[in-house]
Amino acid sequence: ILFNDGDGKTCTGDVEPIPIQFQDLFMEVPIPPSISLPKTEFMDALFTELWKTVVPRTETLTGGEEQGMESVKYMELPNSAMIKILEGPLRSFVLASVEPKVLDLTADSNTPNTDILDKRKAIIFLPSKYHLLFKFKISQNH
């Protein structure tokens, strides 16, 4: 490593490698000490309120200032691989399963979609002011 110190002197030295993983760039949700709710209840309530606040509404798309963006991604992974990711590298950001082994109602009809094995939500804080909110629907057929 080569750097200048506060006095303008050039210094050199050896530094051990510092392993940094993708999830090391994120922060877990800080919970204020004054919160008396159990962590899972607080996190679920926070997620719900943030989702309502940041997901853009139709009127904001026609010229108003957007507060957030919603995007749907299909990940062609076996459900076991997706669960492994959620329970591994992203574990500290994932809320408990929303409703394990539930039926999902599609937005366009009242017909149950029995393809959903599990639902999970995750909150990731990106210092200093950004938040990523995820809703995962894990299919049992993939």
N, C-alpha and C. Protein backbone atom coordinates (compact mmCIF):
# COMPACT_ATOMS: atom_id res chain seq x y z
N ILE A 1 0.85 -1.16 0.00
CA ILE A 1 0.00 0.00 0.00
C ILE A 1 0.90 1.23 0.00
N LEU A 2 0.48 2.26 -0.68
CA LEU A 2 1.21 3.52 -0.77
C LEU A 2 0.22 4.63 -0.46
N PHE A 3 0.56 5.51 0.49
CA PHE A 3 -0.35 6.59 0.85
C PHE A 3 0.42 7.76 1.43
N ASN A 4 -0.25 8.90 1.52
CA ASN A 4 0.32 10.10 2.15
C ASN A 4 -0.32 10.28 3.51
N ASP A 5 0.48 10.63 4.52
CA ASP A 5 -0.09 10.89 5.84
C ASP A 5 -0.48 12.37 5.95
N GLY A 6 -0.96 12.75 7.10
CA GLY A 6 -1.42 14.11 7.34
C GLY A 6 -0.35 15.17 7.19
N ASP A 7 0.90 14.81 7.35
CA ASP A 7 2.01 15.75 7.22
C ASP A 7 2.56 15.79 5.79
N GLY A 8 1.96 15.04 4.88
CA GLY A 8 2.41 15.04 3.50
C GLY A 8 3.51 14.04 3.20
N LYS A 9 3.88 13.22 4.18
CA LYS A 9 4.92 12.21 3.97
C LYS A 9 4.32 11.03 3.22
N THR A 10 5.10 10.46 2.31
CA THR A 10 4.66 9.28 1.59
C THR A 10 5.07 8.05 2.39
N CYS A 11 4.13 7.17 2.59
CA CYS A 11 4.37 5.95 3.37
C CYS A 11 4.04 4.74 2.51
N THR A 12 4.74 3.65 2.79
CA THR A 12 4.45 2.39 2.14
C THR A 12 4.35 1.32 3.21
N GLY A 13 3.68 0.26 2.90
CA GLY A 13 3.57 -0.84 3.85
C GLY A 13 2.78 -1.98 3.25
N ASP A 14 2.77 -3.07 3.98
CA ASP A 14 2.01 -4.25 3.57
C ASP A 14 0.73 -4.30 4.38
N VAL A 15 -0.33 -4.66 3.73
CA VAL A 15 -1.63 -4.79 4.38
C VAL A 15 -2.19 -6.16 4.02
N GLU A 16 -2.71 -6.85 5.02
CA GLU A 16 -3.37 -8.13 4.77
C GLU A 16 -4.63 -7.89 3.94
N PRO A 17 -4.97 -8.81 3.06
CA PRO A 17 -6.21 -8.65 2.30
C PRO A 17 -7.42 -8.58 3.24
N ILE A 18 -8.36 -7.75 2.87
CA ILE A 18 -9.60 -7.61 3.66
C ILE A 18 -10.72 -8.20 2.81
N PRO A 19 -11.27 -9.32 3.25
CA PRO A 19 -12.36 -9.92 2.46
C PRO A 19 -13.65 -9.11 2.64
N ILE A 20 -14.23 -8.71 1.55
CA ILE A 20 -15.50 -7.98 1.58
C ILE A 20 -16.48 -8.73 0.70
N GLN A 21 -17.62 -9.08 1.29
CA GLN A 21 -18.65 -9.76 0.54
C GLN A 21 -19.74 -8.76 0.18
N PHE A 22 -20.54 -9.11 -0.79
CA PHE A 22 -21.61 -8.24 -1.27
C PHE A 22 -22.48 -7.72 -0.13
N GLN A 23 -22.89 -8.62 0.78
CA GLN A 23 -23.78 -8.23 1.87
C GLN A 23 -23.10 -7.33 2.90
N ASP A 24 -21.77 -7.24 2.89
CA ASP A 24 -21.05 -6.36 3.81
C ASP A 24 -21.27 -4.89 3.49
N LEU A 25 -21.77 -4.60 2.30
CA LEU A 25 -22.00 -3.21 1.90
C LEU A 25 -23.33 -2.67 2.42
N PHE A 26 -24.13 -3.51 3.04
CA PHE A 26 -25.46 -3.13 3.50
C PHE A 26 -25.51 -3.04 5.01
N MET A 27 -26.57 -2.40 5.49
CA MET A 27 -26.80 -2.31 6.94
C MET A 27 -28.10 -3.01 7.29
N GLU A 28 -28.11 -3.65 8.44
CA GLU A 28 -29.36 -4.16 8.96
C GLU A 28 -30.18 -2.98 9.45
N VAL A 29 -31.46 -3.18 9.59
CA VAL A 29 -32.34 -2.13 10.07
C VAL A 29 -32.00 -1.81 11.52
N PRO A 30 -31.66 -0.55 11.82
CA PRO A 30 -31.41 -0.20 13.22
C PRO A 30 -32.75 -0.10 13.96
N ILE A 31 -32.83 -0.75 15.10
CA ILE A 31 -34.06 -0.70 15.89
C ILE A 31 -33.82 0.20 17.09
N PRO A 32 -34.58 1.29 17.19
CA PRO A 32 -34.39 2.20 18.32
C PRO A 32 -34.64 1.48 19.65
N PRO A 33 -33.86 1.80 20.68
CA PRO A 33 -34.03 1.13 21.98
C PRO A 33 -35.39 1.40 22.61
N SER A 34 -36.05 2.48 22.17
CA SER A 34 -37.36 2.81 22.75
C SER A 34 -38.49 1.93 22.22
N ILE A 35 -38.24 1.13 21.21
CA ILE A 35 -39.27 0.26 20.63
C ILE A 35 -39.51 -0.91 21.56
N SER A 36 -40.78 -1.07 21.97
CA SER A 36 -41.11 -2.15 22.90
C SER A 36 -41.67 -3.38 22.20
N LEU A 37 -41.97 -3.27 20.91
CA LEU A 37 -42.49 -4.42 20.16
C LEU A 37 -41.40 -5.48 20.00
N PRO A 38 -41.79 -6.73 19.90
CA PRO A 38 -40.81 -7.76 19.54
C PRO A 38 -40.22 -7.42 18.16
N LYS A 39 -38.98 -7.81 17.93
CA LYS A 39 -38.28 -7.46 16.69
C LYS A 39 -39.08 -7.85 15.45
N THR A 40 -39.64 -9.06 15.43
CA THR A 40 -40.36 -9.51 14.24
C THR A 40 -41.59 -8.64 13.96
N GLU A 41 -42.31 -8.25 14.99
CA GLU A 41 -43.48 -7.38 14.81
C GLU A 41 -43.06 -6.00 14.32
N PHE A 42 -42.00 -5.45 14.92
CA PHE A 42 -41.51 -4.14 14.52
C PHE A 42 -41.07 -4.16 13.07
N MET A 43 -40.31 -5.18 12.68
CA MET A 43 -39.78 -5.27 11.33
C MET A 43 -40.91 -5.40 10.30
N ASP A 44 -41.92 -6.21 10.63
CA ASP A 44 -43.05 -6.37 9.72
C ASP A 44 -43.81 -5.06 9.56
N ALA A 45 -44.05 -4.36 10.68
CA ALA A 45 -44.75 -3.07 10.62
C ALA A 45 -43.93 -2.05 9.84
N LEU A 46 -42.63 -2.02 10.08
CA LEU A 46 -41.76 -1.09 9.37
C LEU A 46 -41.77 -1.37 7.87
N PHE A 47 -41.65 -2.64 7.50
CA PHE A 47 -41.68 -3.01 6.09
C PHE A 47 -42.97 -2.54 5.45
N THR A 48 -44.10 -2.81 6.10
CA THR A 48 -45.41 -2.44 5.55
C THR A 48 -45.50 -0.94 5.34
N GLU A 49 -45.08 -0.17 6.33
CA GLU A 49 -45.15 1.29 6.22
C GLU A 49 -44.18 1.82 5.17
N LEU A 50 -42.97 1.30 5.12
CA LEU A 50 -42.03 1.74 4.10
C LEU A 50 -42.54 1.39 2.70
N TRP A 51 -43.09 0.19 2.55
CA TRP A 51 -43.62 -0.23 1.25
C TRP A 51 -44.71 0.73 0.79
N LYS A 52 -45.63 1.07 1.69
CA LYS A 52 -46.71 2.00 1.34
C LYS A 52 -46.16 3.37 0.98
N THR A 53 -45.07 3.77 1.62
CA THR A 53 -44.51 5.10 1.42
C THR A 53 -43.68 5.22 0.16
N VAL A 54 -42.86 4.22 -0.14
CA VAL A 54 -41.90 4.38 -1.23
C VAL A 54 -42.33 3.81 -2.57
N VAL A 55 -43.26 2.88 -2.59
CA VAL A 55 -43.69 2.34 -3.87
C VAL A 55 -44.50 3.42 -4.58
N PRO A 56 -44.13 3.76 -5.81
CA PRO A 56 -44.79 4.88 -6.48
C PRO A 56 -46.27 4.62 -6.72
N ARG A 57 -47.03 5.67 -6.59
CA ARG A 57 -48.45 5.61 -6.90
C ARG A 57 -48.64 6.12 -8.32
N THR A 58 -49.75 5.80 -8.95
CA THR A 58 -49.99 6.17 -10.34
C THR A 58 -49.82 7.67 -10.57
N GLU A 59 -50.35 8.48 -9.65
CA GLU A 59 -50.27 9.93 -9.88
C GLU A 59 -48.84 10.45 -9.88
N THR A 60 -47.92 9.78 -9.22
CA THR A 60 -46.54 10.26 -9.21
C THR A 60 -45.84 9.97 -10.54
N LEU A 61 -46.35 9.05 -11.30
CA LEU A 61 -45.72 8.70 -12.57
C LEU A 61 -46.06 9.70 -13.67
N THR A 62 -46.99 10.61 -13.43
CA THR A 62 -47.41 11.57 -14.46
C THR A 62 -46.83 12.95 -14.23
N GLY A 63 -45.71 13.04 -13.55
CA GLY A 63 -45.08 14.33 -13.39
C GLY A 63 -44.69 14.67 -11.97
N GLY A 64 -45.28 14.03 -10.99
CA GLY A 64 -44.90 14.27 -9.61
C GLY A 64 -43.56 13.61 -9.32
N GLU A 65 -43.01 13.92 -8.17
CA GLU A 65 -41.72 13.34 -7.80
C GLU A 65 -41.92 11.93 -7.27
N GLU A 66 -41.25 10.97 -7.88
CA GLU A 66 -41.34 9.59 -7.41
C GLU A 66 -40.52 9.41 -6.15
N GLN A 67 -41.06 8.64 -5.22
CA GLN A 67 -40.32 8.35 -4.00
C GLN A 67 -39.66 6.99 -4.07
N GLY A 68 -40.07 6.18 -4.98
CA GLY A 68 -39.51 4.83 -5.07
C GLY A 68 -39.83 4.22 -6.41
N MET A 69 -39.45 2.97 -6.56
CA MET A 69 -39.68 2.27 -7.80
C MET A 69 -40.01 0.82 -7.47
N GLU A 70 -40.94 0.27 -8.21
CA GLU A 70 -41.29 -1.13 -8.04
C GLU A 70 -40.91 -1.87 -9.31
N SER A 71 -40.26 -3.00 -9.15
CA SER A 71 -39.82 -3.80 -10.28
C SER A 71 -40.05 -5.27 -9.95
N VAL A 72 -40.47 -6.03 -10.92
CA VAL A 72 -40.69 -7.46 -10.73
C VAL A 72 -39.63 -8.22 -11.51
N LYS A 73 -38.96 -9.13 -10.85
CA LYS A 73 -37.93 -9.94 -11.49
C LYS A 73 -38.27 -11.41 -11.31
N TYR A 74 -38.13 -12.17 -12.38
CA TYR A 74 -38.30 -13.62 -12.32
C TYR A 74 -36.91 -14.22 -12.32
N MET A 75 -36.60 -14.96 -11.29
CA MET A 75 -35.28 -15.59 -11.20
C MET A 75 -35.46 -17.08 -11.46
N GLU A 76 -34.86 -17.53 -12.51
CA GLU A 76 -34.99 -18.93 -12.88
C GLU A 76 -33.99 -19.77 -12.10
N LEU A 77 -34.33 -19.97 -10.84
CA LEU A 77 -33.52 -20.77 -9.92
C LEU A 77 -34.40 -21.84 -9.31
N PRO A 78 -33.83 -22.96 -8.97
CA PRO A 78 -34.60 -23.93 -8.19
C PRO A 78 -35.01 -23.28 -6.86
N ASN A 79 -36.20 -23.61 -6.36
CA ASN A 79 -36.65 -22.98 -5.11
C ASN A 79 -35.66 -23.22 -3.97
N SER A 80 -35.00 -24.36 -3.97
CA SER A 80 -34.02 -24.64 -2.92
C SER A 80 -32.84 -23.68 -2.99
N ALA A 81 -32.44 -23.27 -4.19
CA ALA A 81 -31.33 -22.32 -4.34
C ALA A 81 -31.73 -20.94 -3.84
N MET A 82 -32.98 -20.53 -4.13
CA MET A 82 -33.45 -19.22 -3.67
C MET A 82 -33.55 -19.21 -2.15
N ILE A 83 -34.06 -20.27 -1.57
CA ILE A 83 -34.16 -20.35 -0.11
C ILE A 83 -32.77 -20.35 0.51
N LYS A 84 -31.82 -21.03 -0.13
CA LYS A 84 -30.44 -21.04 0.37
C LYS A 84 -29.84 -19.63 0.39
N ILE A 85 -30.12 -18.84 -0.63
CA ILE A 85 -29.64 -17.45 -0.67
C ILE A 85 -30.28 -16.63 0.44
N LEU A 86 -31.59 -16.80 0.61
CA LEU A 86 -32.30 -16.03 1.64
C LEU A 86 -31.90 -16.43 3.05
N GLU A 87 -31.54 -17.69 3.23
CA GLU A 87 -31.15 -18.16 4.56
C GLU A 87 -29.63 -18.11 4.75
N GLY A 88 -28.90 -17.73 3.72
CA GLY A 88 -27.45 -17.62 3.80
C GLY A 88 -27.02 -16.17 3.79
N PRO A 89 -26.51 -15.68 2.65
CA PRO A 89 -25.96 -14.33 2.60
C PRO A 89 -26.94 -13.22 2.98
N LEU A 90 -28.22 -13.41 2.69
CA LEU A 90 -29.20 -12.35 2.99
C LEU A 90 -29.95 -12.57 4.30
N ARG A 91 -29.57 -13.58 5.05
CA ARG A 91 -30.29 -13.98 6.27
C ARG A 91 -30.57 -12.81 7.23
N SER A 92 -29.59 -11.95 7.46
CA SER A 92 -29.79 -10.90 8.45
C SER A 92 -30.72 -9.79 7.96
N PHE A 93 -31.10 -9.80 6.69
CA PHE A 93 -31.99 -8.78 6.15
C PHE A 93 -33.41 -9.30 5.93
N VAL A 94 -33.60 -10.61 6.01
CA VAL A 94 -34.88 -11.22 5.69
C VAL A 94 -35.75 -11.30 6.93
N LEU A 95 -37.00 -10.86 6.76
CA LEU A 95 -37.97 -11.02 7.83
C LEU A 95 -38.38 -12.49 7.83
N ALA A 96 -39.03 -12.93 8.86
CA ALA A 96 -39.51 -14.31 8.91
C ALA A 96 -40.44 -14.55 7.72
N SER A 97 -40.65 -15.78 7.37
CA SER A 97 -41.58 -16.09 6.29
C SER A 97 -42.88 -15.37 6.55
N VAL A 98 -43.43 -14.79 5.49
CA VAL A 98 -44.67 -14.04 5.65
C VAL A 98 -45.80 -14.98 6.00
N GLU A 99 -46.03 -15.95 5.15
CA GLU A 99 -47.06 -16.95 5.39
C GLU A 99 -46.57 -18.24 4.74
N PRO A 100 -45.82 -19.05 5.46
CA PRO A 100 -45.28 -20.24 4.82
C PRO A 100 -46.38 -21.16 4.30
N LYS A 101 -46.10 -21.75 3.17
CA LYS A 101 -47.00 -22.71 2.55
C LYS A 101 -48.40 -22.14 2.34
N VAL A 102 -48.49 -20.92 1.81
CA VAL A 102 -49.78 -20.28 1.59
C VAL A 102 -50.20 -20.37 0.14
N LEU A 103 -51.45 -20.11 -0.09
CA LEU A 103 -51.94 -19.95 -1.45
C LEU A 103 -51.86 -18.48 -1.78
N ASP A 104 -51.47 -18.17 -3.00
CA ASP A 104 -51.34 -16.78 -3.41
C ASP A 104 -52.51 -16.43 -4.31
N LEU A 105 -53.17 -15.32 -4.04
CA LEU A 105 -54.23 -14.85 -4.92
C LEU A 105 -53.62 -13.94 -5.96
N THR A 106 -53.88 -14.22 -7.22
CA THR A 106 -53.32 -13.36 -8.26
C THR A 106 -54.03 -12.02 -8.23
N ALA A 107 -53.36 -10.99 -8.73
CA ALA A 107 -53.92 -9.64 -8.69
C ALA A 107 -55.14 -9.50 -9.61
N ASP A 108 -55.21 -10.32 -10.65
CA ASP A 108 -56.26 -10.13 -11.64
C ASP A 108 -57.50 -11.00 -11.44
N SER A 109 -57.46 -11.90 -10.47
CA SER A 109 -58.63 -12.75 -10.28
C SER A 109 -58.68 -13.24 -8.84
N ASN A 110 -59.75 -13.88 -8.52
CA ASN A 110 -59.90 -14.46 -7.18
C ASN A 110 -59.56 -15.94 -7.19
N THR A 111 -58.90 -16.39 -8.25
CA THR A 111 -58.52 -17.79 -8.37
C THR A 111 -57.22 -18.02 -7.64
N PRO A 112 -57.20 -18.97 -6.70
CA PRO A 112 -55.95 -19.23 -5.99
C PRO A 112 -54.86 -19.76 -6.92
N ASN A 113 -53.65 -19.31 -6.70
CA ASN A 113 -52.49 -19.82 -7.42
C ASN A 113 -51.74 -20.69 -6.42
N THR A 114 -51.80 -21.99 -6.60
CA THR A 114 -51.21 -22.91 -5.63
C THR A 114 -49.73 -23.14 -5.88
N ASP A 115 -49.13 -22.36 -6.75
CA ASP A 115 -47.73 -22.51 -7.10
C ASP A 115 -46.79 -21.93 -6.05
N ILE A 116 -47.28 -21.10 -5.14
CA ILE A 116 -46.42 -20.41 -4.18
C ILE A 116 -46.14 -21.30 -2.97
N LEU A 117 -44.85 -21.58 -2.76
CA LEU A 117 -44.41 -22.40 -1.63
C LEU A 117 -44.17 -21.55 -0.39
N ASP A 118 -43.59 -20.37 -0.59
CA ASP A 118 -43.19 -19.53 0.54
C ASP A 118 -43.15 -18.08 0.10
N LYS A 119 -43.38 -17.18 1.03
CA LYS A 119 -43.26 -15.74 0.78
C LYS A 119 -42.34 -15.18 1.85
N ARG A 120 -41.45 -14.30 1.43
CA ARG A 120 -40.55 -13.65 2.38
C ARG A 120 -40.39 -12.19 2.00
N LYS A 121 -40.03 -11.40 2.99
CA LYS A 121 -39.76 -9.98 2.76
C LYS A 121 -38.38 -9.69 3.32
N ALA A 122 -37.73 -8.69 2.74
CA ALA A 122 -36.41 -8.29 3.22
C ALA A 122 -36.30 -6.77 3.17
N ILE A 123 -35.58 -6.22 4.14
CA ILE A 123 -35.29 -4.79 4.17
C ILE A 123 -33.77 -4.65 4.24
N ILE A 124 -33.23 -3.84 3.35
CA ILE A 124 -31.80 -3.55 3.37
C ILE A 124 -31.63 -2.04 3.37
N PHE A 125 -30.86 -1.53 4.32
CA PHE A 125 -30.54 -0.11 4.35
C PHE A 125 -29.22 0.09 3.64
N LEU A 126 -29.18 1.04 2.73
CA LEU A 126 -27.95 1.43 2.06
C LEU A 126 -27.57 2.79 2.63
N PRO A 127 -26.49 2.83 3.40
CA PRO A 127 -26.14 4.11 4.03
C PRO A 127 -25.98 5.20 2.97
N SER A 128 -26.45 6.34 3.17
CA SER A 128 -27.00 6.84 4.40
C SER A 128 -28.51 7.04 4.34
N LYS A 129 -29.11 6.98 3.15
CA LYS A 129 -30.53 7.30 3.11
C LYS A 129 -31.39 6.42 2.21
N TYR A 130 -30.87 5.37 1.66
CA TYR A 130 -31.65 4.56 0.74
C TYR A 130 -32.05 3.23 1.37
N HIS A 131 -33.18 2.70 0.91
CA HIS A 131 -33.69 1.43 1.43
C HIS A 131 -34.07 0.54 0.24
N LEU A 132 -33.78 -0.72 0.36
CA LEU A 132 -34.24 -1.71 -0.61
C LEU A 132 -35.26 -2.59 0.10
N LEU A 133 -36.42 -2.70 -0.48
CA LEU A 133 -37.48 -3.55 0.07
C LEU A 133 -37.74 -4.65 -0.95
N PHE A 134 -37.73 -5.88 -0.49
CA PHE A 134 -37.95 -7.02 -1.38
C PHE A 134 -39.13 -7.85 -0.89
N LYS A 135 -39.93 -8.31 -1.85
CA LYS A 135 -40.95 -9.32 -1.57
C LYS A 135 -40.60 -10.51 -2.45
N PHE A 136 -40.36 -11.63 -1.83
CA PHE A 136 -40.00 -12.85 -2.55
C PHE A 136 -41.18 -13.81 -2.51
N LYS A 137 -41.54 -14.33 -3.67
CA LYS A 137 -42.53 -15.41 -3.77
C LYS A 137 -41.78 -16.59 -4.35
N ILE A 138 -41.67 -17.63 -3.57
CA ILE A 138 -40.89 -18.79 -3.99
C ILE A 138 -41.84 -19.88 -4.47
N SER A 139 -41.68 -20.23 -5.72
CA SER A 139 -42.54 -21.22 -6.36
C SER A 139 -42.16 -22.63 -5.96
N GLN A 140 -43.15 -23.47 -5.83
CA GLN A 140 -42.85 -24.87 -5.52
C GLN A 140 -42.62 -25.68 -6.79
N ASN A 141 -42.90 -25.12 -7.95
CA ASN A 141 -42.77 -25.85 -9.20
C ASN A 141 -41.47 -25.58 -9.94
N HIS A 142 -40.50 -24.95 -9.27
CA HIS A 142 -39.24 -24.71 -9.98
C HIS A 142 -38.07 -25.04 -9.10
